[in-house]
Amino acid sequence: MRSLAAAGFALWFGASACSSSIVIRAEDPVFARAQAQLARTKATVASSGASEAEQVTFLQAESFYRYRFTFPARSLGTQLAQMGAVVVELPALQSLAGSLDLMDLRLRSYDAAVQLWETLLARCPTSPLRPLALYRLGWAYRSAGVGGLPRESGDEAFALLARDHPASPLAPLSRAAQATAWKSKGTATGLSIIPGLGQMYVGEHLNGSVRLAIALAAAAMIVVPAVIAYQRRDDLTWGGDWPLLALGLGGLVILNIDYTTAYQDALRGVVQFNERAEEQFESEHPGAL
């Protein structure tokens, strides 16, 4: 226990010392574009004729939806804390790893936006903002990951918009948006049972190949010593064969870290894929909000 506590303290100290600033860079192009889009939407909402309460709720959701900036590279402190959380499994280190990482906030903002827009539609079903809320939900659901949401996918919202508001300028956009390729966090999560497949799913084949190779190497570090130990089960000695145990434990640790980081990185890949698809769609359809 003393050695675990010492390791935990060392990782905590190193993570605290190496953590980077959370302030978004002034020259971040992703953030600048998100702010410009938010300003456009704010003007549209203000002229919609919706009540003040409806406008406030919509813009709350829009702020989460536009919470976009260039995905930050994980600092040394975050990586140390995450490795410590995987290896030692101390709750304090797990909490520290999450607190140092802005990526979690970036990935979950779509869940908050969906919740608020669905709340708006449930409370104000005849709101003038309903077509725009459905249009936003069509895109936002693609990057949402929380369970228990009212719809299975954003295509349901797009279809409802086209059916119930055919005269809206957003109706033809919703039909075109349904044909846009997108990726699912659920699918990426399932594929990440094998590290690297989630990255390949979003088109990052080199990234995925490296992670898969690490997983295979780690698995070999576990399997090969186990096979050797079984074959020599009658004459194993701690003094002479402890490297077999050390190699197997090392492989287990590496595989655990690879699983954890591959899963989280796959979710990042899904969000980036969907954001690029939306940006491309908006560049091809100038009327899209």
C-alpha atoms as a PDB file:
ATOM      1  CA  MET A   1       0.000   0.000   0.000  1.00  0.00           C
ATOM      2  CA  ARG A   2       2.853   2.382   0.763  1.00  0.00           C
ATOM      3  CA  SER A   3       4.359   1.808  -2.665  1.00  0.00           C
ATOM      4  CA  LEU A   4       0.960   2.402  -4.320  1.00  0.00           C
ATOM      5  CA  ALA A   5       0.476   5.600  -2.352  1.00  0.00           C
ATOM      6  CA  ALA A   6       3.973   6.771  -3.306  1.00  0.00           C
ATOM      7  CA  ALA A   7       3.330   6.021  -6.973  1.00  0.00           C
ATOM      8  CA  GLY A   8       0.004   7.806  -6.817  1.00  0.00           C
ATOM      9  CA  PHE A   9       1.558  10.890  -5.232  1.00  0.00           C
ATOM     10  CA  ALA A  10       4.362  10.946  -7.786  1.00  0.00           C
ATOM     11  CA  LEU A  11       1.888  10.752 -10.661  1.00  0.00           C
ATOM     12  CA  TRP A  12      -0.306  13.425  -9.104  1.00  0.00           C
ATOM     13  CA  PHE A  13       2.667  15.751  -8.620  1.00  0.00           C
ATOM     14  CA  GLY A  14       3.929  15.145 -12.146  1.00  0.00           C
ATOM     15  CA  ALA A  15       0.473  15.642 -13.650  1.00  0.00           C
ATOM     16  CA  SER A  16      -0.072  18.876 -11.744  1.00  0.00           C
ATOM     17  CA  ALA A  17       3.309  20.196 -12.795  1.00  0.00           C
ATOM     18  CA  CYS A  18       2.843  19.323 -16.470  1.00  0.00           C
ATOM     19  CA  SER A  19      -0.797  20.340 -16.974  1.00  0.00           C
ATOM     20  CA  SER A  20      -1.358  22.917 -19.707  1.00  0.00           C
ATOM     21  CA  SER A  21      -3.604  25.964 -19.806  1.00  0.00           C
ATOM     22  CA  ILE A  22      -7.311  25.423 -20.424  1.00  0.00           C
ATOM     23  CA  VAL A  23      -7.678  28.771 -22.181  1.00  0.00           C
ATOM     24  CA  ILE A  24      -8.689  28.449 -25.845  1.00  0.00           C
ATOM     25  CA  ARG A  25      -6.043  29.866 -28.172  1.00  0.00           C
ATOM     26  CA  ALA A  26      -6.967  33.227 -29.698  1.00  0.00           C
ATOM     27  CA  GLU A  27      -5.981  32.037 -33.193  1.00  0.00           C
ATOM     28  CA  ASP A  28      -7.962  28.776 -33.036  1.00  0.00           C
ATOM     29  CA  PRO A  29      -9.817  28.577 -36.405  1.00  0.00           C
ATOM     30  CA  VAL A  30     -12.369  26.026 -35.185  1.00  0.00           C
ATOM     31  CA  PHE A  31     -13.378  28.255 -32.283  1.00  0.00           C
ATOM     32  CA  ALA A  32     -13.546  31.352 -34.522  1.00  0.00           C
ATOM     33  CA  ARG A  33     -15.867  29.588 -36.954  1.00  0.00           C
ATOM     34  CA  ALA A  34     -18.060  28.346 -34.107  1.00  0.00           C
ATOM     35  CA  GLN A  35     -18.386  31.881 -32.753  1.00  0.00           C
ATOM     36  CA  ALA A  36     -19.338  33.226 -36.184  1.00  0.00           C
ATOM     37  CA  GLN A  37     -21.989  30.523 -36.559  1.00  0.00           C
ATOM     38  CA  LEU A  38     -23.349  31.263 -33.089  1.00  0.00           C
ATOM     39  CA  ALA A  39     -23.659  34.956 -33.935  1.00  0.00           C
ATOM     40  CA  ARG A  40     -25.605  34.132 -37.113  1.00  0.00           C
ATOM     41  CA  THR A  41     -27.947  31.830 -35.252  1.00  0.00           C
ATOM     42  CA  LYS A  42     -28.484  34.395 -32.490  1.00  0.00           C
ATOM     43  CA  ALA A  43     -29.705  36.922 -35.075  1.00  0.00           C
ATOM     44  CA  THR A  44     -32.031  34.336 -36.637  1.00  0.00           C
ATOM     45  CA  VAL A  45     -33.482  33.369 -33.256  1.00  0.00           C
ATOM     46  CA  ALA A  46     -34.020  37.018 -32.306  1.00  0.00           C
ATOM     47  CA  SER A  47     -36.111  37.587 -35.444  1.00  0.00           C
ATOM     48  CA  SER A  48     -38.109  34.352 -35.138  1.00  0.00           C
ATOM     49  CA  GLY A  49     -41.000  35.738 -33.106  1.00  0.00           C
ATOM     50  CA  ALA A  50     -40.477  33.136 -30.385  1.00  0.00           C
ATOM     51  CA  SER A  51     -40.976  34.080 -26.754  1.00  0.00           C
ATOM     52  CA  GLU A  52     -38.000  35.196 -24.709  1.00  0.00           C
ATOM     53  CA  ALA A  53     -38.034  31.957 -22.712  1.00  0.00           C
ATOM     54  CA  GLU A  54     -37.965  29.907 -25.928  1.00  0.00           C
ATOM     55  CA  GLN A  55     -35.120  31.992 -27.318  1.00  0.00           C
ATOM     56  CA  VAL A  56     -33.091  31.611 -24.129  1.00  0.00           C
ATOM     57  CA  THR A  57     -33.511  27.824 -24.089  1.00  0.00           C
ATOM     58  CA  PHE A  58     -32.608  27.545 -27.754  1.00  0.00           C
ATOM     59  CA  LEU A  59     -29.481  29.650 -27.347  1.00  0.00           C
ATOM     60  CA  GLN A  60     -28.451  27.658 -24.281  1.00  0.00           C
ATOM     61  CA  ALA A  61     -28.486  24.564 -26.480  1.00  0.00           C
ATOM     62  CA  GLU A  62     -26.796  26.404 -29.337  1.00  0.00           C
ATOM     63  CA  SER A  63     -23.947  27.426 -27.029  1.00  0.00           C
ATOM     64  CA  PHE A  64     -23.282  23.788 -26.157  1.00  0.00           C
ATOM     65  CA  TYR A  65     -23.585  22.827 -29.821  1.00  0.00           C
ATOM     66  CA  ARG A  66     -21.034  25.475 -30.805  1.00  0.00           C
ATOM     67  CA  TYR A  67     -18.626  24.518 -28.021  1.00  0.00           C
ATOM     68  CA  ARG A  68     -15.984  23.743 -30.590  1.00  0.00           C
ATOM     69  CA  PHE A  69     -12.259  24.326 -30.642  1.00  0.00           C
ATOM     70  CA  THR A  70      -9.325  22.424 -32.021  1.00  0.00           C
ATOM     71  CA  PHE A  71      -9.030  19.160 -30.142  1.00  0.00           C
ATOM     72  CA  PRO A  72      -6.163  19.670 -27.679  1.00  0.00           C
ATOM     73  CA  ALA A  73      -3.160  17.372 -27.657  1.00  0.00           C
ATOM     74  CA  ARG A  74      -3.033  15.542 -24.357  1.00  0.00           C
ATOM     75  CA  SER A  75      -0.385  16.984 -22.077  1.00  0.00           C
ATOM     76  CA  LEU A  76       2.251  14.880 -20.362  1.00  0.00           C
ATOM     77  CA  GLY A  77       0.418  15.440 -17.086  1.00  0.00           C
ATOM     78  CA  THR A  78      -2.836  14.086 -18.480  1.00  0.00           C
ATOM     79  CA  GLN A  79      -1.094  11.059 -19.967  1.00  0.00           C
ATOM     80  CA  LEU A  80       0.698  10.299 -16.702  1.00  0.00           C
ATOM     81  CA  ALA A  81      -2.513  10.611 -14.698  1.00  0.00           C
ATOM     82  CA  GLN A  82      -4.430   8.421 -17.137  1.00  0.00           C
ATOM     83  CA  MET A  83      -1.738   5.741 -17.123  1.00  0.00           C
ATOM     84  CA  GLY A  84      -1.698   5.828 -13.338  1.00  0.00           C
ATOM     85  CA  ALA A  85      -5.494   5.558 -13.202  1.00  0.00           C
ATOM     86  CA  VAL A  86      -5.402   2.494 -15.461  1.00  0.00           C
ATOM     87  CA  VAL A  87      -2.519   0.779 -13.664  1.00  0.00           C
ATOM     88  CA  VAL A  88      -3.248   1.634 -10.027  1.00  0.00           C
ATOM     89  CA  GLU A  89      -7.044   2.140 -10.295  1.00  0.00           C
ATOM     90  CA  LEU A  90      -7.151   4.645  -7.471  1.00  0.00           C
ATOM     91  CA  PRO A  91     -10.353   6.765  -7.633  1.00  0.00           C
ATOM     92  CA  ALA A  92      -8.356   9.914  -6.888  1.00  0.00           C
ATOM     93  CA  LEU A  93      -6.138   9.341  -9.936  1.00  0.00           C
ATOM     94  CA  GLN A  94      -9.150   8.581 -12.123  1.00  0.00           C
ATOM     95  CA  SER A  95     -10.714  11.864 -11.037  1.00  0.00           C
ATOM     96  CA  LEU A  96      -7.455  13.717 -11.638  1.00  0.00           C
ATOM     97  CA  ALA A  97      -7.101  12.260 -15.132  1.00  0.00           C
ATOM     98  CA  GLY A  98     -10.596  13.487 -16.019  1.00  0.00           C
ATOM     99  CA  SER A  99     -10.100  16.940 -14.520  1.00  0.00           C
ATOM    100  CA  LEU A 100      -6.958  17.577 -16.570  1.00  0.00           C
ATOM    101  CA  ASP A 101      -8.530  16.632 -19.891  1.00  0.00           C
ATOM    102  CA  LEU A 102     -10.651  19.100 -21.891  1.00  0.00           C
ATOM    103  CA  MET A 103     -11.436  16.382 -24.410  1.00  0.00           C
ATOM    104  CA  ASP A 104     -14.191  14.972 -22.186  1.00  0.00           C
ATOM    105  CA  LEU A 105     -15.964  18.351 -22.135  1.00  0.00           C
ATOM    106  CA  ARG A 106     -15.587  18.667 -25.891  1.00  0.00           C
ATOM    107  CA  LEU A 107     -17.038  15.217 -26.526  1.00  0.00           C
ATOM    108  CA  ARG A 108     -20.051  15.564 -24.211  1.00  0.00           C
ATOM    109  CA  SER A 109     -21.262  19.007 -25.281  1.00  0.00           C
ATOM    110  CA  TYR A 110     -23.523  17.485 -27.951  1.00  0.00           C
ATOM    111  CA  ASP A 111     -25.387  15.503 -25.292  1.00  0.00           C
ATOM    112  CA  ALA A 112     -26.188  18.728 -23.437  1.00  0.00           C
ATOM    113  CA  ALA A 113     -27.356  20.432 -26.636  1.00  0.00           C
ATOM    114  CA  VAL A 114     -29.678  17.548 -27.524  1.00  0.00           C
ATOM    115  CA  GLN A 115     -31.158  17.521 -24.018  1.00  0.00           C
ATOM    116  CA  LEU A 116     -31.974  21.246 -24.155  1.00  0.00           C
ATOM    117  CA  TRP A 117     -33.456  21.188 -27.663  1.00  0.00           C
ATOM    118  CA  GLU A 118     -35.604  18.178 -26.815  1.00  0.00           C
ATOM    119  CA  THR A 119     -36.741  20.013 -23.673  1.00  0.00           C
ATOM    120  CA  LEU A 120     -37.698  23.026 -25.785  1.00  0.00           C
ATOM    121  CA  LEU A 121     -39.750  20.886 -28.171  1.00  0.00           C
ATOM    122  CA  ALA A 122     -41.477  19.064 -25.303  1.00  0.00           C
ATOM    123  CA  ARG A 123     -42.421  22.259 -23.476  1.00  0.00           C
ATOM    124  CA  CYS A 124     -43.209  24.403 -26.514  1.00  0.00           C
ATOM    125  CA  PRO A 125     -44.363  22.083 -29.325  1.00  0.00           C
ATOM    126  CA  THR A 126     -45.705  24.973 -31.427  1.00  0.00           C
ATOM    127  CA  SER A 127     -42.687  27.244 -31.011  1.00  0.00           C
ATOM    128  CA  PRO A 128     -41.611  29.201 -34.104  1.00  0.00           C
ATOM    129  CA  LEU A 129     -38.179  27.757 -33.395  1.00  0.00           C
ATOM    130  CA  ARG A 130     -39.369  24.164 -33.844  1.00  0.00           C
ATOM    131  CA  PRO A 131     -38.081  23.739 -37.440  1.00  0.00           C
ATOM    132  CA  LEU A 132     -34.635  25.064 -36.522  1.00  0.00           C
ATOM    133  CA  ALA A 133     -34.534  22.937 -33.354  1.00  0.00           C
ATOM    134  CA  LEU A 134     -35.358  19.806 -35.382  1.00  0.00           C
ATOM    135  CA  TYR A 135     -32.711  20.726 -37.927  1.00  0.00           C
ATOM    136  CA  ARG A 136     -30.113  21.144 -35.189  1.00  0.00           C
ATOM    137  CA  LEU A 137     -31.142  17.867 -33.565  1.00  0.00           C
ATOM    138  CA  GLY A 138     -30.617  16.083 -36.873  1.00  0.00           C
ATOM    139  CA  TRP A 139     -26.948  17.028 -36.775  1.00  0.00           C
ATOM    140  CA  ALA A 140     -26.430  16.927 -33.002  1.00  0.00           C
ATOM    141  CA  TYR A 141     -27.699  13.366 -32.530  1.00  0.00           C
ATOM    142  CA  ARG A 142     -24.913  12.130 -34.777  1.00  0.00           C
ATOM    143  CA  SER A 143     -22.291  13.090 -32.196  1.00  0.00           C
ATOM    144  CA  ALA A 144     -24.351  12.414 -29.057  1.00  0.00           C
ATOM    145  CA  GLY A 145     -23.451   9.457 -26.875  1.00  0.00           C
ATOM    146  CA  VAL A 146     -25.621   9.527 -23.763  1.00  0.00           C
ATOM    147  CA  GLY A 147     -28.371   6.910 -23.366  1.00  0.00           C
ATOM    148  CA  GLY A 148     -32.088   7.526 -22.900  1.00  0.00           C
ATOM    149  CA  LEU A 149     -32.564  10.219 -25.562  1.00  0.00           C
ATOM    150  CA  PRO A 150     -36.027  10.464 -27.179  1.00  0.00           C
ATOM    151  CA  ARG A 151     -34.835   9.569 -30.698  1.00  0.00           C
ATOM    152  CA  GLU A 152     -32.689   6.782 -32.044  1.00  0.00           C
ATOM    153  CA  SER A 153     -30.875   9.026 -34.512  1.00  0.00           C
ATOM    154  CA  GLY A 154     -30.830  12.459 -36.028  1.00  0.00           C
ATOM    155  CA  ASP A 155     -32.480  11.147 -39.188  1.00  0.00           C
ATOM    156  CA  GLU A 156     -35.748  10.964 -37.235  1.00  0.00           C
ATOM    157  CA  ALA A 157     -35.547  14.695 -36.538  1.00  0.00           C
ATOM    158  CA  PHE A 158     -34.666  15.476 -40.161  1.00  0.00           C
ATOM    159  CA  ALA A 159     -37.609  13.386 -41.391  1.00  0.00           C
ATOM    160  CA  LEU A 160     -40.008  15.040 -38.925  1.00  0.00           C
ATOM    161  CA  LEU A 161     -38.893  18.476 -40.079  1.00  0.00           C
ATOM    162  CA  ALA A 162     -39.483  17.620 -43.740  1.00  0.00           C
ATOM    163  CA  ARG A 163     -42.899  16.111 -42.949  1.00  0.00           C
ATOM    164  CA  ASP A 164     -44.321  18.706 -40.554  1.00  0.00           C
ATOM    165  CA  HIS A 165     -42.754  21.858 -42.009  1.00  0.00           C
ATOM    166  CA  PRO A 166     -42.551  21.362 -45.778  1.00  0.00           C
ATOM    167  CA  ALA A 167     -42.721  25.106 -46.412  1.00  0.00           C
ATOM    168  CA  SER A 168     -39.703  25.831 -44.234  1.00  0.00           C
ATOM    169  CA  PRO A 169     -36.460  26.622 -46.095  1.00  0.00           C
ATOM    170  CA  LEU A 170     -34.872  24.072 -43.780  1.00  0.00           C
ATOM    171  CA  ALA A 171     -37.020  21.211 -45.148  1.00  0.00           C
ATOM    172  CA  PRO A 172     -35.013  20.630 -48.369  1.00  0.00           C
ATOM    173  CA  LEU A 173     -31.809  21.026 -46.366  1.00  0.00           C
ATOM    174  CA  SER A 174     -32.925  18.328 -43.953  1.00  0.00           C
ATOM    175  CA  ARG A 175     -33.575  15.918 -46.820  1.00  0.00           C
ATOM    176  CA  ALA A 176     -30.128  16.619 -48.266  1.00  0.00           C
ATOM    177  CA  ALA A 177     -28.515  16.294 -44.837  1.00  0.00           C
ATOM    178  CA  GLN A 178     -29.925  12.792 -44.383  1.00  0.00           C
ATOM    179  CA  ALA A 179     -27.793  11.647 -47.316  1.00  0.00           C
ATOM    180  CA  THR A 180     -24.607  12.981 -45.704  1.00  0.00           C
ATOM    181  CA  ALA A 181     -22.230  10.315 -44.396  1.00  0.00           C
ATOM    182  CA  TRP A 182     -21.791  10.233 -40.633  1.00  0.00           C
ATOM    183  CA  LYS A 183     -20.287   8.096 -37.903  1.00  0.00           C
ATOM    184  CA  SER A 184     -21.765   6.814 -34.650  1.00  0.00           C
ATOM    185  CA  LYS A 185     -20.191   6.833 -31.195  1.00  0.00           C
ATOM    186  CA  GLY A 186     -22.026   3.580 -30.447  1.00  0.00           C
ATOM    187  CA  THR A 187     -20.483   1.814 -33.425  1.00  0.00           C
ATOM    188  CA  ALA A 188     -17.034   3.201 -32.628  1.00  0.00           C
ATOM    189  CA  THR A 189     -17.395   2.006 -29.033  1.00  0.00           C
ATOM    190  CA  GLY A 190     -18.354  -1.497 -30.145  1.00  0.00           C
ATOM    191  CA  LEU A 191     -15.483  -1.727 -32.619  1.00  0.00           C
ATOM    192  CA  SER A 192     -13.023  -0.531 -29.981  1.00  0.00           C
ATOM    193  CA  ILE A 193     -13.293  -3.938 -28.325  1.00  0.00           C
ATOM    194  CA  ILE A 194     -10.337  -4.485 -30.637  1.00  0.00           C
ATOM    195  CA  PRO A 195      -8.076  -1.420 -30.251  1.00  0.00           C
ATOM    196  CA  GLY A 196      -7.620   0.402 -33.532  1.00  0.00           C
ATOM    197  CA  LEU A 197     -10.823  -0.674 -35.271  1.00  0.00           C
ATOM    198  CA  GLY A 198     -12.624   2.431 -34.007  1.00  0.00           C
ATOM    199  CA  GLN A 199      -9.984   4.622 -35.657  1.00  0.00           C
ATOM    200  CA  MET A 200     -10.243   2.669 -38.903  1.00  0.00           C
ATOM    201  CA  TYR A 201     -14.036   3.136 -38.780  1.00  0.00           C
ATOM    202  CA  VAL A 202     -13.600   6.924 -38.980  1.00  0.00           C
ATOM    203  CA  GLY A 203     -10.964   6.689 -41.705  1.00  0.00           C
ATOM    204  CA  GLU A 204      -7.821   7.042 -39.572  1.00  0.00           C
ATOM    205  CA  HIS A 205      -6.164   3.867 -40.821  1.00  0.00           C
ATOM    206  CA  LEU A 206      -2.579   4.643 -39.783  1.00  0.00           C
ATOM    207  CA  ASN A 207      -3.694   5.608 -36.264  1.00  0.00           C
ATOM    208  CA  GLY A 208      -5.779   2.455 -36.043  1.00  0.00           C
ATOM    209  CA  SER A 209      -3.010   0.225 -37.384  1.00  0.00           C
ATOM    210  CA  VAL A 210      -0.556   1.479 -34.757  1.00  0.00           C
ATOM    211  CA  ARG A 211      -3.032   0.876 -31.937  1.00  0.00           C
ATOM    212  CA  LEU A 212      -3.868  -2.575 -33.257  1.00  0.00           C
ATOM    213  CA  ALA A 213      -0.172  -3.444 -33.505  1.00  0.00           C
ATOM    214  CA  ILE A 214       0.364  -2.356 -29.897  1.00  0.00           C
ATOM    215  CA  ALA A 215      -2.571  -4.499 -28.794  1.00  0.00           C
ATOM    216  CA  LEU A 216      -1.245  -7.541 -30.655  1.00  0.00           C
ATOM    217  CA  ALA A 217       2.241  -7.055 -29.210  1.00  0.00           C
ATOM    218  CA  ALA A 218       0.800  -6.704 -25.699  1.00  0.00           C
ATOM    219  CA  ALA A 219      -1.316  -9.818 -26.199  1.00  0.00           C
ATOM    220  CA  ALA A 220       1.806 -11.707 -27.278  1.00  0.00           C
ATOM    221  CA  MET A 221       3.554 -10.536 -24.109  1.00  0.00           C
ATOM    222  CA  ILE A 222       0.748 -12.163 -22.127  1.00  0.00           C
ATOM    223  CA  VAL A 223       0.217 -15.349 -24.145  1.00  0.00           C
ATOM    224  CA  VAL A 224       3.815 -16.379 -24.851  1.00  0.00           C
ATOM    225  CA  PRO A 225       4.996 -16.393 -21.202  1.00  0.00           C
ATOM    226  CA  ALA A 226       1.797 -18.203 -20.218  1.00  0.00           C
ATOM    227  CA  VAL A 227       2.441 -20.940 -22.801  1.00  0.00           C
ATOM    228  CA  ILE A 228       6.085 -21.271 -21.765  1.00  0.00           C
ATOM    229  CA  ALA A 229       5.113 -21.427 -18.097  1.00  0.00           C
ATOM    230  CA  TYR A 230       2.576 -24.148 -18.839  1.00  0.00           C
ATOM    231  CA  GLN A 231       5.082 -26.188 -20.797  1.00  0.00           C
ATOM    232  CA  ARG A 232       7.588 -25.924 -17.943  1.00  0.00           C
ATOM    233  CA  ARG A 233       5.033 -26.193 -15.169  1.00  0.00           C
ATOM    234  CA  ASP A 234       6.900 -29.034 -13.457  1.00  0.00           C
ATOM    235  CA  ASP A 235      10.215 -27.238 -13.017  1.00  0.00           C
ATOM    236  CA  LEU A 236       9.282 -23.548 -12.659  1.00  0.00           C
ATOM    237  CA  THR A 237      11.194 -21.591 -10.025  1.00  0.00           C
ATOM    238  CA  TRP A 238      10.633 -18.039  -8.831  1.00  0.00           C
ATOM    239  CA  GLY A 239      14.321 -17.219  -8.904  1.00  0.00           C
ATOM    240  CA  GLY A 240      14.806 -18.323 -12.482  1.00  0.00           C
ATOM    241  CA  ASP A 241      11.451 -17.688 -14.104  1.00  0.00           C
ATOM    242  CA  TRP A 242      10.227 -14.425 -12.598  1.00  0.00           C
ATOM    243  CA  PRO A 243      10.824 -12.644 -15.968  1.00  0.00           C
ATOM    244  CA  LEU A 244       7.917 -14.640 -17.392  1.00  0.00           C
ATOM    245  CA  LEU A 245       5.588 -13.149 -14.794  1.00  0.00           C
ATOM    246  CA  ALA A 246       7.018  -9.660 -15.245  1.00  0.00           C
ATOM    247  CA  LEU A 247       6.603  -9.863 -19.034  1.00  0.00           C
ATOM    248  CA  GLY A 248       3.015 -11.043 -18.714  1.00  0.00           C
ATOM    249  CA  LEU A 249       2.106  -8.305 -16.239  1.00  0.00           C
ATOM    250  CA  GLY A 250       3.765  -5.719 -18.463  1.00  0.00           C
ATOM    251  CA  GLY A 251       1.707  -6.905 -21.422  1.00  0.00           C
ATOM    252  CA  LEU A 252      -1.466  -6.738 -19.359  1.00  0.00           C
ATOM    253  CA  VAL A 253      -0.744  -3.149 -18.333  1.00  0.00           C
ATOM    254  CA  ILE A 254       0.066  -2.072 -21.907  1.00  0.00           C
ATOM    255  CA  LEU A 255      -3.068  -3.755 -23.257  1.00  0.00           C
ATOM    256  CA  ASN A 256      -5.213  -2.068 -20.608  1.00  0.00           C
ATOM    257  CA  ILE A 257      -3.804   1.353 -21.449  1.00  0.00           C
ATOM    258  CA  ASP A 258      -4.192   0.697 -25.184  1.00  0.00           C
ATOM    259  CA  TYR A 259      -7.835  -0.292 -24.738  1.00  0.00           C
ATOM    260  CA  THR A 260      -8.643   2.818 -22.708  1.00  0.00           C
ATOM    261  CA  THR A 261      -6.899   5.341 -24.922  1.00  0.00           C
ATOM    262  CA  ALA A 262      -8.115   3.727 -28.160  1.00  0.00           C
ATOM    263  CA  TYR A 263     -11.729   3.914 -27.022  1.00  0.00           C
ATOM    264  CA  GLN A 264     -11.481   7.578 -26.048  1.00  0.00           C
ATOM    265  CA  ASP A 265      -9.621   8.468 -29.228  1.00  0.00           C
ATOM    266  CA  ALA A 266     -12.255   6.707 -31.353  1.00  0.00           C
ATOM    267  CA  LEU A 267     -14.949   8.968 -29.877  1.00  0.00           C
ATOM    268  CA  ARG A 268     -12.807  11.970 -30.754  1.00  0.00           C
ATOM    269  CA  GLY A 269     -12.547  10.637 -34.313  1.00  0.00           C
ATOM    270  CA  VAL A 270     -16.331  10.287 -34.589  1.00  0.00           C
ATOM    271  CA  VAL A 271     -16.950  13.884 -33.515  1.00  0.00           C
ATOM    272  CA  GLN A 272     -14.296  15.241 -35.867  1.00  0.00           C
ATOM    273  CA  PHE A 273     -15.659  13.196 -38.781  1.00  0.00           C
ATOM    274  CA  ASN A 274     -19.190  14.499 -38.199  1.00  0.00           C
ATOM    275  CA  GLU A 275     -18.041  18.087 -37.771  1.00  0.00           C
ATOM    276  CA  ARG A 276     -16.089  17.950 -41.012  1.00  0.00           C
ATOM    277  CA  ALA A 277     -19.124  16.508 -42.792  1.00  0.00           C
ATOM    278  CA  GLU A 278     -21.340  19.285 -41.444  1.00  0.00           C
ATOM    279  CA  GLU A 279     -18.819  21.959 -42.408  1.00  0.00           C
ATOM    280  CA  GLN A 280     -18.603  20.550 -45.924  1.00  0.00           C
ATOM    281  CA  PHE A 281     -22.398  20.467 -46.145  1.00  0.00           C
ATOM    282  CA  GLU A 282     -22.670  24.105 -45.073  1.00  0.00           C
ATOM    283  CA  SER A 283     -20.073  25.170 -47.625  1.00  0.00           C
ATOM    284  CA  GLU A 284     -22.111  23.466 -50.361  1.00  0.00           C
ATOM    285  CA  HIS A 285     -25.436  24.870 -49.084  1.00  0.00           C
ATOM    286  CA  PRO A 286     -25.047  28.589 -48.312  1.00  0.00           C
ATOM    287  CA  GLY A 287     -28.589  28.750 -46.888  1.00  0.00           C
ATOM    288  CA  ALA A 288     -27.755  26.330 -44.110  1.00  0.00           C
ATOM    289  CA  LEU A 289     -27.683  27.935 -40.667  1.00  0.00           C
END
